[in-house]
Amino acid sequence: PAMPVILASGRGLEGLDSDLKRDPNLTLLPKPFTLH
C-alpha cells in the first residue's frame, strides 16, 4: 500500500484525478512531460 507509484498518462484519467490525488504515494505525470 505504501509503494510509491508514478502513473503517466496523456489520456485515460479524465475525471479521476481528484480521487487519485487522495493516494499520498501516487504521483500523476501528465504527458507530454520533460525529462526535468
Full PDB file with SEQRES, HELIX, SHEET, SSBOND, CRYST1, ORIGX, SCALE, CONECT and MASTER records, all heavy atoms in Angstrom:
SEQRES   1 A   36  PRO ALA MET PRO VAL ILE LEU ALA SER GLY ARG GLY LEU          
SEQRES   2 A   36  GLU GLY LEU ASP SER ASP LEU LYS ARG ASP PRO ASN LEU          
SEQRES   3 A   36  THR LEU LEU PRO LYS PRO PHE THR LEU HIS                      
HELIX    1 AA1 ASP A   17  LEU A   20  1                                   4    
SHEET    1 AA1 2 VAL A   5  SER A   9  0                                        
SHEET    2 AA1 2 LEU A  26  PRO A  30  1                                        
CRYST1    1.000    1.000    1.000  90.00  90.00  90.00 P 1           1          
ORIGX1      1.000000  0.000000  0.000000        0.00000                         
ORIGX2      0.000000  1.000000  0.000000        0.00000                         
ORIGX3      0.000000  0.000000  1.000000        0.00000                         
SCALE1      1.000000  0.000000  0.000000        0.00000                         
SCALE2      0.000000  1.000000  0.000000        0.00000                         
SCALE3      0.000000  0.000000  1.000000        0.00000                         
ATOM      1  N   PRO A   1       0.786  -1.235   0.000  1.00  0.00           N  
ATOM      2  CA  PRO A   1       0.000   0.000   0.000  1.00  0.00           C  
ATOM      3  C   PRO A   1       0.819   1.287   0.000  1.00  0.00           C  
ATOM      4  O   PRO A   1       0.352   2.306  -0.479  1.00  0.00           O  
ATOM      5  CB  PRO A   1      -0.844  -0.091   1.266  1.00  0.00           C  
ATOM      6  CG  PRO A   1      -0.782  -1.506   1.702  1.00  0.00           C  
ATOM      7  CD  PRO A   1       0.469  -2.097   1.136  1.00  0.00           C  
ATOM      8  N   ALA A   2       2.035   1.245   0.532  1.00  0.00           N  
ATOM      9  CA  ALA A   2       2.833   2.466   0.640  1.00  0.00           C  
ATOM     10  C   ALA A   2       3.878   2.611  -0.469  1.00  0.00           C  
ATOM     11  O   ALA A   2       4.650   3.561  -0.456  1.00  0.00           O  
ATOM     12  CB  ALA A   2       3.525   2.511   2.000  1.00  0.00           C  
ATOM     13  N   MET A   3       3.882   1.693  -1.434  1.00  0.00           N  
ATOM     14  CA  MET A   3       4.879   1.776  -2.504  1.00  0.00           C  
ATOM     15  C   MET A   3       4.625   3.013  -3.368  1.00  0.00           C  
ATOM     16  O   MET A   3       3.507   3.244  -3.829  1.00  0.00           O  
ATOM     17  CB  MET A   3       4.830   0.549  -3.403  1.00  0.00           C  
ATOM     18  CG  MET A   3       5.818   0.620  -4.561  1.00  0.00           C  
ATOM     19  SD  MET A   3       5.677  -0.772  -5.685  1.00  0.00           S  
ATOM     20  CE  MET A   3       6.497  -2.010  -4.707  1.00  0.00           C  
ATOM     21  N   PRO A   4       5.666   3.827  -3.588  1.00  0.00           N  
ATOM     22  CA  PRO A   4       5.494   4.985  -4.465  1.00  0.00           C  
ATOM     23  C   PRO A   4       5.272   4.536  -5.912  1.00  0.00           C  
ATOM     24  O   PRO A   4       5.954   3.632  -6.403  1.00  0.00           O  
ATOM     25  CB  PRO A   4       6.823   5.739  -4.350  1.00  0.00           C  
ATOM     26  CG  PRO A   4       7.547   5.143  -3.202  1.00  0.00           C  
ATOM     27  CD  PRO A   4       6.995   3.770  -2.995  1.00  0.00           C  
ATOM     28  N   VAL A   5       4.298   5.149  -6.566  1.00  0.00           N  
ATOM     29  CA  VAL A   5       3.979   4.840  -7.960  1.00  0.00           C  
ATOM     30  C   VAL A   5       3.839   6.151  -8.720  1.00  0.00           C  
ATOM     31  O   VAL A   5       3.221   7.098  -8.231  1.00  0.00           O  
ATOM     32  CB  VAL A   5       2.663   4.026  -8.075  1.00  0.00           C  
ATOM     33  CG1 VAL A   5       2.261   3.831  -9.520  1.00  0.00           C  
ATOM     34  CG2 VAL A   5       2.793   2.685  -7.367  1.00  0.00           C  
ATOM     35  N   ILE A   6       4.435   6.185  -9.905  1.00  0.00           N  
ATOM     36  CA  ILE A   6       4.257   7.316 -10.823  1.00  0.00           C  
ATOM     37  C   ILE A   6       3.445   6.786 -11.988  1.00  0.00           C  
ATOM     38  O   ILE A   6       3.826   5.801 -12.627  1.00  0.00           O  
ATOM     39  CB  ILE A   6       5.603   7.865 -11.316  1.00  0.00           C  
ATOM     40  CG1 ILE A   6       6.412   8.415 -10.140  1.00  0.00           C  
ATOM     41  CG2 ILE A   6       5.384   8.953 -12.378  1.00  0.00           C  
ATOM     42  CD1 ILE A   6       7.835   8.791 -10.499  1.00  0.00           C  
ATOM     43  N   LEU A   7       2.312   7.415 -12.256  1.00  0.00           N  
ATOM     44  CA  LEU A   7       1.424   6.998 -13.334  1.00  0.00           C  
ATOM     45  C   LEU A   7       1.396   8.095 -14.392  1.00  0.00           C  
ATOM     46  O   LEU A   7       0.927   9.203 -14.136  1.00  0.00           O  
ATOM     47  CB  LEU A   7       0.021   6.737 -12.780  1.00  0.00           C  
ATOM     48  CG  LEU A   7      -0.991   6.108 -13.708  1.00  0.00           C  
ATOM     49  CD1 LEU A   7      -0.496   4.774 -14.265  1.00  0.00           C  
ATOM     50  CD2 LEU A   7      -2.304   5.901 -12.975  1.00  0.00           C  
ATOM     51  N   ALA A   8       1.937   7.781 -15.564  1.00  0.00           N  
ATOM     52  CA  ALA A   8       1.978   8.735 -16.668  1.00  0.00           C  
ATOM     53  C   ALA A   8       0.770   8.514 -17.575  1.00  0.00           C  
ATOM     54  O   ALA A   8       0.379   7.376 -17.832  1.00  0.00           O  
ATOM     55  CB  ALA A   8       3.267   8.560 -17.462  1.00  0.00           C  
ATOM     56  N   SER A   9       0.200   9.622 -18.045  1.00  0.00           N  
ATOM     57  CA  SER A   9      -0.948   9.485 -18.929  1.00  0.00           C  
ATOM     58  C   SER A   9      -1.147  10.740 -19.763  1.00  0.00           C  
ATOM     59  O   SER A   9      -1.033  11.849 -19.263  1.00  0.00           O  
ATOM     60  CB  SER A   9      -2.220   9.237 -18.118  1.00  0.00           C  
ATOM     61  OG  SER A   9      -3.336   9.120 -18.985  1.00  0.00           O  
ATOM     62  N   GLY A  10      -1.438  10.518 -21.019  1.00  0.00           N  
ATOM     63  CA  GLY A  10      -1.837  11.598 -21.897  1.00  0.00           C  
ATOM     64  C   GLY A  10      -3.350  11.636 -22.004  1.00  0.00           C  
ATOM     65  O   GLY A  10      -3.945  12.627 -22.399  1.00  0.00           O  
ATOM     66  N   ARG A  11      -3.964  10.532 -21.630  1.00  0.00           N  
ATOM     67  CA  ARG A  11      -5.424  10.417 -21.629  1.00  0.00           C  
ATOM     68  C   ARG A  11      -5.787   9.174 -20.829  1.00  0.00           C  
ATOM     69  O   ARG A  11      -4.934   8.357 -20.511  1.00  0.00           O  
ATOM     70  CB  ARG A  11      -5.978  10.296 -23.041  1.00  0.00           C  
ATOM     71  CG  ARG A  11      -5.405   9.114 -23.785  1.00  0.00           C  
ATOM     72  CD  ARG A  11      -5.789   9.136 -25.249  1.00  0.00           C  
ATOM     73  NE  ARG A  11      -5.113   8.007 -25.876  1.00  0.00           N  
ATOM     74  CZ  ARG A  11      -5.713   7.049 -26.527  1.00  0.00           C  
ATOM     75  NH1 ARG A  11      -7.014   7.068 -26.667  1.00  0.00           N  
ATOM     76  NH2 ARG A  11      -5.036   6.075 -27.063  1.00  0.00           N  
ATOM     77  N   GLY A  12      -7.039   9.048 -20.470  1.00  0.00           N  
ATOM     78  CA  GLY A  12      -7.481   7.868 -19.748  1.00  0.00           C  
ATOM     79  C   GLY A  12      -7.694   8.073 -18.258  1.00  0.00           C  
ATOM     80  O   GLY A  12      -8.140   7.184 -17.577  1.00  0.00           O  
ATOM     81  N   LEU A  13      -7.388   9.275 -17.756  1.00  0.00           N  
ATOM     82  CA  LEU A  13      -7.609   9.546 -16.336  1.00  0.00           C  
ATOM     83  C   LEU A  13      -8.579  10.702 -16.127  1.00  0.00           C  
ATOM     84  O   LEU A  13      -8.741  11.179 -15.011  1.00  0.00           O  
ATOM     85  CB  LEU A  13      -6.271   9.870 -15.640  1.00  0.00           C  
ATOM     86  CG  LEU A  13      -5.258   8.747 -15.604  1.00  0.00           C  
ATOM     87  CD1 LEU A  13      -3.948   9.232 -14.983  1.00  0.00           C  
ATOM     88  CD2 LEU A  13      -5.786   7.559 -14.836  1.00  0.00           C  
ATOM     89  N   GLU A  14      -9.226  11.128 -17.196  1.00  0.00           N  
ATOM     90  CA  GLU A  14     -10.143  12.258 -17.106  1.00  0.00           C  
ATOM     91  C   GLU A  14     -11.205  11.987 -16.051  1.00  0.00           C  
ATOM     92  O   GLU A  14     -11.829  10.940 -16.033  1.00  0.00           O  
ATOM     93  CB  GLU A  14     -10.844  12.520 -18.453  1.00  0.00           C  
ATOM     94  CG  GLU A  14      -9.914  12.932 -19.560  1.00  0.00           C  
ATOM     95  CD  GLU A  14      -9.218  11.755 -20.237  1.00  0.00           C  
ATOM     96  OE1 GLU A  14      -9.577  10.594 -19.985  1.00  0.00           O  
ATOM     97  OE2 GLU A  14      -8.289  12.021 -21.015  1.00  0.00           O  
ATOM     98  N   GLY A  15     -11.372  12.937 -15.150  1.00  0.00           N  
ATOM     99  CA  GLY A  15     -12.390  12.821 -14.118  1.00  0.00           C  
ATOM    100  C   GLY A  15     -11.954  12.004 -12.910  1.00  0.00           C  
ATOM    101  O   GLY A  15     -12.662  11.966 -11.918  1.00  0.00           O  
ATOM    102  N   LEU A  16     -10.818  11.354 -12.977  1.00  0.00           N  
ATOM    103  CA  LEU A  16     -10.357  10.538 -11.861  1.00  0.00           C  
ATOM    104  C   LEU A  16      -9.275  11.218 -11.039  1.00  0.00           C  
ATOM    105  O   LEU A  16      -8.919  10.735  -9.973  1.00  0.00           O  
ATOM    106  CB  LEU A  16      -9.808   9.189 -12.372  1.00  0.00           C  
ATOM    107  CG  LEU A  16     -10.790   8.285 -13.098  1.00  0.00           C  
ATOM    108  CD1 LEU A  16     -10.070   7.067 -13.651  1.00  0.00           C  
ATOM    109  CD2 LEU A  16     -11.892   7.846 -12.154  1.00  0.00           C  
ATOM    110  N   ASP A  17      -8.734  12.345 -11.545  1.00  0.00           N  
ATOM    111  CA  ASP A  17      -7.587  12.954 -10.855  1.00  0.00           C  
ATOM    112  C   ASP A  17      -7.887  13.282  -9.398  1.00  0.00           C  
ATOM    113  O   ASP A  17      -7.041  13.094  -8.552  1.00  0.00           O  
ATOM    114  CB  ASP A  17      -7.064  14.222 -11.488  1.00  0.00           C  
ATOM    115  CG  ASP A  17      -7.461  14.504 -12.894  1.00  0.00           C  
ATOM    116  OD1 ASP A  17      -8.292  13.814 -13.442  1.00  0.00           O  
ATOM    117  OD2 ASP A  17      -6.885  15.455 -13.416  1.00  0.00           O  
ATOM    118  N   SER A  18      -9.091  13.777  -9.090  1.00  0.00           N  
ATOM    119  CA  SER A  18      -9.367  14.151  -7.703  1.00  0.00           C  
ATOM    120  C   SER A  18      -9.353  12.917  -6.796  1.00  0.00           C  
ATOM    121  O   SER A  18      -8.840  12.969  -5.685  1.00  0.00           O  
ATOM    122  CB  SER A  18     -10.694  14.889  -7.586  1.00  0.00           C  
ATOM    123  OG  SER A  18     -11.741  14.091  -8.064  1.00  0.00           O  
ATOM    124  N   ASP A  19      -9.897  11.797  -7.251  1.00  0.00           N  
ATOM    125  CA  ASP A  19      -9.859  10.560  -6.464  1.00  0.00           C  
ATOM    126  C   ASP A  19      -8.435  10.055  -6.308  1.00  0.00           C  
ATOM    127  O   ASP A  19      -8.029   9.617  -5.233  1.00  0.00           O  
ATOM    128  CB  ASP A  19     -10.706   9.466  -7.117  1.00  0.00           C  
ATOM    129  CG  ASP A  19     -12.185   9.770  -7.072  1.00  0.00           C  
ATOM    130  OD1 ASP A  19     -12.622  10.516  -6.170  1.00  0.00           O  
ATOM    131  OD2 ASP A  19     -12.911   9.262  -7.942  1.00  0.00           O  
ATOM    132  N   LEU A  20      -7.666  10.116  -7.380  1.00  0.00           N  
ATOM    133  CA  LEU A  20      -6.296   9.599  -7.357  1.00  0.00           C  
ATOM    134  C   LEU A  20      -5.381  10.457  -6.488  1.00  0.00           C  
ATOM    135  O   LEU A  20      -4.430   9.952  -5.900  1.00  0.00           O  
ATOM    136  CB  LEU A  20      -5.746   9.504  -8.769  1.00  0.00           C  
ATOM    137  CG  LEU A  20      -6.463   8.510  -9.683  1.00  0.00           C  
ATOM    138  CD1 LEU A  20      -5.920   8.597 -11.102  1.00  0.00           C  
ATOM    139  CD2 LEU A  20      -6.342   7.095  -9.146  1.00  0.00           C  
ATOM    140  N   LYS A  21      -5.673  11.741  -6.382  1.00  0.00           N  
ATOM    141  CA  LYS A  21      -4.835  12.632  -5.568  1.00  0.00           C  
ATOM    142  C   LYS A  21      -4.955  12.327  -4.084  1.00  0.00           C  
ATOM    143  O   LYS A  21      -4.141  12.782  -3.294  1.00  0.00           O  
ATOM    144  CB  LYS A  21      -5.174  14.095  -5.864  1.00  0.00           C  
ATOM    145  CG  LYS A  21      -4.650  14.522  -7.220  1.00  0.00           C  
ATOM    146  CD  LYS A  21      -4.961  15.958  -7.518  1.00  0.00           C  
ATOM    147  CE  LYS A  21      -4.455  16.297  -8.915  1.00  0.00           C  
ATOM    148  NZ  LYS A  21      -4.839  17.598  -9.362  1.00  0.00           N  
ATOM    149  N   ARG A  22      -5.928  11.534  -3.699  1.00  0.00           N  
ATOM    150  CA  ARG A  22      -6.075  11.137  -2.292  1.00  0.00           C  
ATOM    151  C   ARG A  22      -5.020  10.111  -1.883  1.00  0.00           C  
ATOM    152  O   ARG A  22      -4.798   9.890  -0.706  1.00  0.00           O  
ATOM    153  CB  ARG A  22      -7.459  10.557  -2.041  1.00  0.00           C  
ATOM    154  CG  ARG A  22      -8.537  11.593  -2.139  1.00  0.00           C  
ATOM    155  CD  ARG A  22      -9.879  11.020  -1.737  1.00  0.00           C  
ATOM    156  NE  ARG A  22     -10.911  11.906  -2.213  1.00  0.00           N  
ATOM    157  CZ  ARG A  22     -12.033  11.510  -2.767  1.00  0.00           C  
ATOM    158  NH1 ARG A  22     -12.288  10.227  -2.896  1.00  0.00           N  
ATOM    159  NH2 ARG A  22     -12.918  12.379  -3.174  1.00  0.00           N  
ATOM    160  N   ASP A  23      -4.398   9.467  -2.862  1.00  0.00           N  
ATOM    161  CA  ASP A  23      -3.362   8.466  -2.589  1.00  0.00           C  
ATOM    162  C   ASP A  23      -2.034   9.203  -2.414  1.00  0.00           C  
ATOM    163  O   ASP A  23      -1.468   9.702  -3.391  1.00  0.00           O  
ATOM    164  CB  ASP A  23      -3.281   7.478  -3.753  1.00  0.00           C  
ATOM    165  CG  ASP A  23      -2.305   6.338  -3.506  1.00  0.00           C  
ATOM    166  OD1 ASP A  23      -1.391   6.484  -2.663  1.00  0.00           O  
ATOM    167  OD2 ASP A  23      -2.438   5.304  -4.176  1.00  0.00           O  
ATOM    168  N   PRO A  24      -1.511   9.286  -1.189  1.00  0.00           N  
ATOM    169  CA  PRO A  24      -0.291  10.062  -0.949  1.00  0.00           C  
ATOM    170  C   PRO A  24       0.959   9.448  -1.593  1.00  0.00           C  
ATOM    171  O   PRO A  24       1.978  10.112  -1.702  1.00  0.00           O  
ATOM    172  CB  PRO A  24      -0.167  10.072   0.571  1.00  0.00           C  
ATOM    173  CG  PRO A  24      -0.894   8.844   1.012  1.00  0.00           C  
ATOM    174  CD  PRO A  24      -2.006   8.643   0.017  1.00  0.00           C  
ATOM    175  N   ASN A  25       0.866   8.204  -2.023  1.00  0.00           N  
ATOM    176  CA  ASN A  25       2.015   7.521  -2.621  1.00  0.00           C  
ATOM    177  C   ASN A  25       1.905   7.405  -4.140  1.00  0.00           C  
ATOM    178  O   ASN A  25       2.622   6.630  -4.763  1.00  0.00           O  
ATOM    179  CB  ASN A  25       2.186   6.140  -1.992  1.00  0.00           C  
ATOM    180  CG  ASN A  25       2.464   6.245  -0.515  1.00  0.00           C  
ATOM    181  OD1 ASN A  25       3.375   6.945  -0.106  1.00  0.00           O  
ATOM    182  ND2 ASN A  25       1.660   5.590   0.295  1.00  0.00           N  
ATOM    183  N   LEU A  26       0.992   8.174  -4.712  1.00  0.00           N  
ATOM    184  CA  LEU A  26       0.795   8.172  -6.158  1.00  0.00           C  
ATOM    185  C   LEU A  26       1.096   9.557  -6.715  1.00  0.00           C  
ATOM    186  O   LEU A  26       0.580  10.554  -6.214  1.00  0.00           O  
ATOM    187  CB  LEU A  26      -0.644   7.791  -6.503  1.00  0.00           C  
ATOM    188  CG  LEU A  26      -1.019   7.857  -7.981  1.00  0.00           C  
ATOM    189  CD1 LEU A  26      -0.230   6.833  -8.793  1.00  0.00           C  
ATOM    190  CD2 LEU A  26      -2.510   7.628  -8.153  1.00  0.00           C  
ATOM    191  N   THR A  27       1.928   9.593  -7.739  1.00  0.00           N  
ATOM    192  CA  THR A  27       2.217  10.837  -8.443  1.00  0.00           C  
ATOM    193  C   THR A  27       1.689  10.691  -9.866  1.00  0.00           C  
ATOM    194  O   THR A  27       2.031   9.729 -10.556  1.00  0.00           O  
ATOM    195  CB  THR A  27       3.732  11.119  -8.478  1.00  0.00           C  
ATOM    196  OG1 THR A  27       4.213  11.204  -7.136  1.00  0.00           O  
ATOM    197  CG2 THR A  27       4.043  12.407  -9.212  1.00  0.00           C  
ATOM    198  N   LEU A  28       0.844  11.614 -10.277  1.00  0.00           N  
ATOM    199  CA  LEU A  28       0.340  11.628 -11.651  1.00  0.00           C  
ATOM    200  C   LEU A  28       1.278  12.473 -12.504  1.00  0.00           C  
ATOM    201  O   LEU A  28       1.649  13.579 -12.113  1.00  0.00           O  
ATOM    202  CB  LEU A  28      -1.070  12.193 -11.700  1.00  0.00           C  
ATOM    203  CG  LEU A  28      -2.112  11.418 -10.896  1.00  0.00           C  
ATOM    204  CD1 LEU A  28      -3.453  12.137 -10.946  1.00  0.00           C  
ATOM    205  CD2 LEU A  28      -2.242   9.999 -11.404  1.00  0.00           C  
ATOM    206  N   LEU A  29       1.644  11.957 -13.652  1.00  0.00           N  
ATOM    207  CA  LEU A  29       2.579  12.636 -14.542  1.00  0.00           C  
ATOM    208  C   LEU A  29       1.913  12.799 -15.907  1.00  0.00           C  
ATOM    209  O   LEU A  29       1.858  11.858 -16.692  1.00  0.00           O  
ATOM    210  CB  LEU A  29       3.867  11.809 -14.659  1.00  0.00           C  
ATOM    211  CG  LEU A  29       5.002  12.407 -15.465  1.00  0.00           C  
ATOM    212  CD1 LEU A  29       5.461  13.730 -14.863  1.00  0.00           C  
ATOM    213  CD2 LEU A  29       6.168  11.418 -15.518  1.00  0.00           C  
ATOM    214  N   PRO A  30       1.343  13.985 -16.167  1.00  0.00           N  
ATOM    215  CA  PRO A  30       0.672  14.202 -17.451  1.00  0.00           C  
ATOM    216  C   PRO A  30       1.665  14.199 -18.608  1.00  0.00           C  
ATOM    217  O   PRO A  30       2.779  14.697 -18.477  1.00  0.00           O  
ATOM    218  CB  PRO A  30       0.026  15.580 -17.302  1.00  0.00           C  
ATOM    219  CG  PRO A  30       0.223  16.006 -15.898  1.00  0.00           C  
ATOM    220  CD  PRO A  30       1.274  15.146 -15.289  1.00  0.00           C  
ATOM    221  N   LYS A  31       1.243  13.616 -19.729  1.00  0.00           N  
ATOM    222  CA  LYS A  31       2.063  13.623 -20.949  1.00  0.00           C  
ATOM    223  C   LYS A  31       1.580  14.737 -21.851  1.00  0.00           C  
ATOM    224  O   LYS A  31       0.394  15.044 -21.840  1.00  0.00           O  
ATOM    225  CB  LYS A  31       1.919  12.292 -21.693  1.00  0.00           C  
ATOM    226  CG  LYS A  31       2.573  11.132 -20.995  1.00  0.00           C  
ATOM    227  CD  LYS A  31       2.747   9.990 -21.952  1.00  0.00           C  
ATOM    228  CE  LYS A  31       1.755   8.891 -21.735  1.00  0.00           C  
ATOM    229  NZ  LYS A  31       1.861   7.795 -22.656  1.00  0.00           N  
ATOM    230  N   PRO A  32       2.444  15.283 -22.633  1.00  0.00           N  
ATOM    231  CA  PRO A  32       3.881  15.020 -22.691  1.00  0.00           C  
ATOM    232  C   PRO A  32       4.584  15.663 -21.504  1.00  0.00           C  
ATOM    233  O   PRO A  32       4.105  16.649 -20.941  1.00  0.00           O  
ATOM    234  CB  PRO A  32       4.319  15.662 -23.999  1.00  0.00           C  
ATOM    235  CG  PRO A  32       3.351  16.776 -24.218  1.00  0.00           C  
ATOM    236  CD  PRO A  32       2.049  16.317 -23.600  1.00  0.00           C  
ATOM    237  N   PHE A  33       5.709  15.079 -21.099  1.00  0.00           N  
ATOM    238  CA  PHE A  33       6.478  15.645 -19.999  1.00  0.00           C  
ATOM    239  C   PHE A  33       7.944  15.733 -20.393  1.00  0.00           C  
ATOM    240  O   PHE A  33       8.405  15.035 -21.279  1.00  0.00           O  
ATOM    241  CB  PHE A  33       6.322  14.827 -18.704  1.00  0.00           C  
ATOM    242  CG  PHE A  33       6.619  13.361 -18.851  1.00  0.00           C  
ATOM    243  CD1 PHE A  33       7.913  12.885 -18.750  1.00  0.00           C  
ATOM    244  CD2 PHE A  33       5.594  12.456 -19.084  1.00  0.00           C  
ATOM    245  CE1 PHE A  33       8.198  11.535 -18.869  1.00  0.00           C  
ATOM    246  CE2 PHE A  33       5.857  11.103 -19.207  1.00  0.00           C  
ATOM    247  CZ  PHE A  33       7.162  10.642 -19.104  1.00  0.00           C  
ATOM    248  N   THR A  34       8.635  16.638 -19.729  1.00  0.00           N  
ATOM    249  CA  THR A  34      10.060  16.813 -19.981  1.00  0.00           C  
ATOM    250  C   THR A  34      10.846  15.882 -19.056  1.00  0.00           C  
ATOM    251  O   THR A  34      10.310  15.375 -18.055  1.00  0.00           O  
ATOM    252  CB  THR A  34      10.503  18.259 -19.699  1.00  0.00           C  
ATOM    253  OG1 THR A  34      10.292  18.527 -18.302  1.00  0.00           O  
ATOM    254  CG2 THR A  34       9.729  19.268 -20.554  1.00  0.00           C  
ATOM    255  N   LEU A  35      12.096  15.686 -19.370  1.00  0.00           N  
ATOM    256  CA  LEU A  35      12.961  14.891 -18.522  1.00  0.00           C  
ATOM    257  C   LEU A  35      13.064  15.530 -17.131  1.00  0.00           C  
ATOM    258  O   LEU A  35      13.038  14.835 -16.107  1.00  0.00           O  
ATOM    259  CB  LEU A  35      14.343  14.752 -19.163  1.00  0.00           C  
ATOM    260  CG  LEU A  35      15.278  13.724 -18.566  1.00  0.00           C  
ATOM    261  CD1 LEU A  35      14.660  12.347 -18.528  1.00  0.00           C  
ATOM    262  CD2 LEU A  35      16.573  13.685 -19.362  1.00  0.00           C  
ATOM    263  N   HIS A  36      13.123  16.853 -17.106  1.00  0.00           N  
ATOM    264  CA  HIS A  36      13.172  17.574 -15.831  1.00  0.00           C  
ATOM    265  C   HIS A  36      11.935  17.265 -14.987  1.00  0.00           C  
ATOM    266  O   HIS A  36      12.030  17.014 -13.785  1.00  0.00           O  
ATOM    267  CB  HIS A  36      13.302  19.079 -16.090  1.00  0.00           C  
ATOM    268  CG  HIS A  36      13.309  19.897 -14.841  1.00  0.00           C  
ATOM    269  ND1 HIS A  36      14.365  19.912 -13.953  1.00  0.00           N  
ATOM    270  CD2 HIS A  36      12.365  20.711 -14.316  1.00  0.00           C  
ATOM    271  CE1 HIS A  36      14.074  20.710 -12.933  1.00  0.00           C  
ATOM    272  NE2 HIS A  36      12.868  21.210 -13.136  1.00  0.00           N  
TER     273      HIS A  36                                                      
MASTER        0    0    0    1    2    0    0    6  272    1    0    3          
END                                                                             
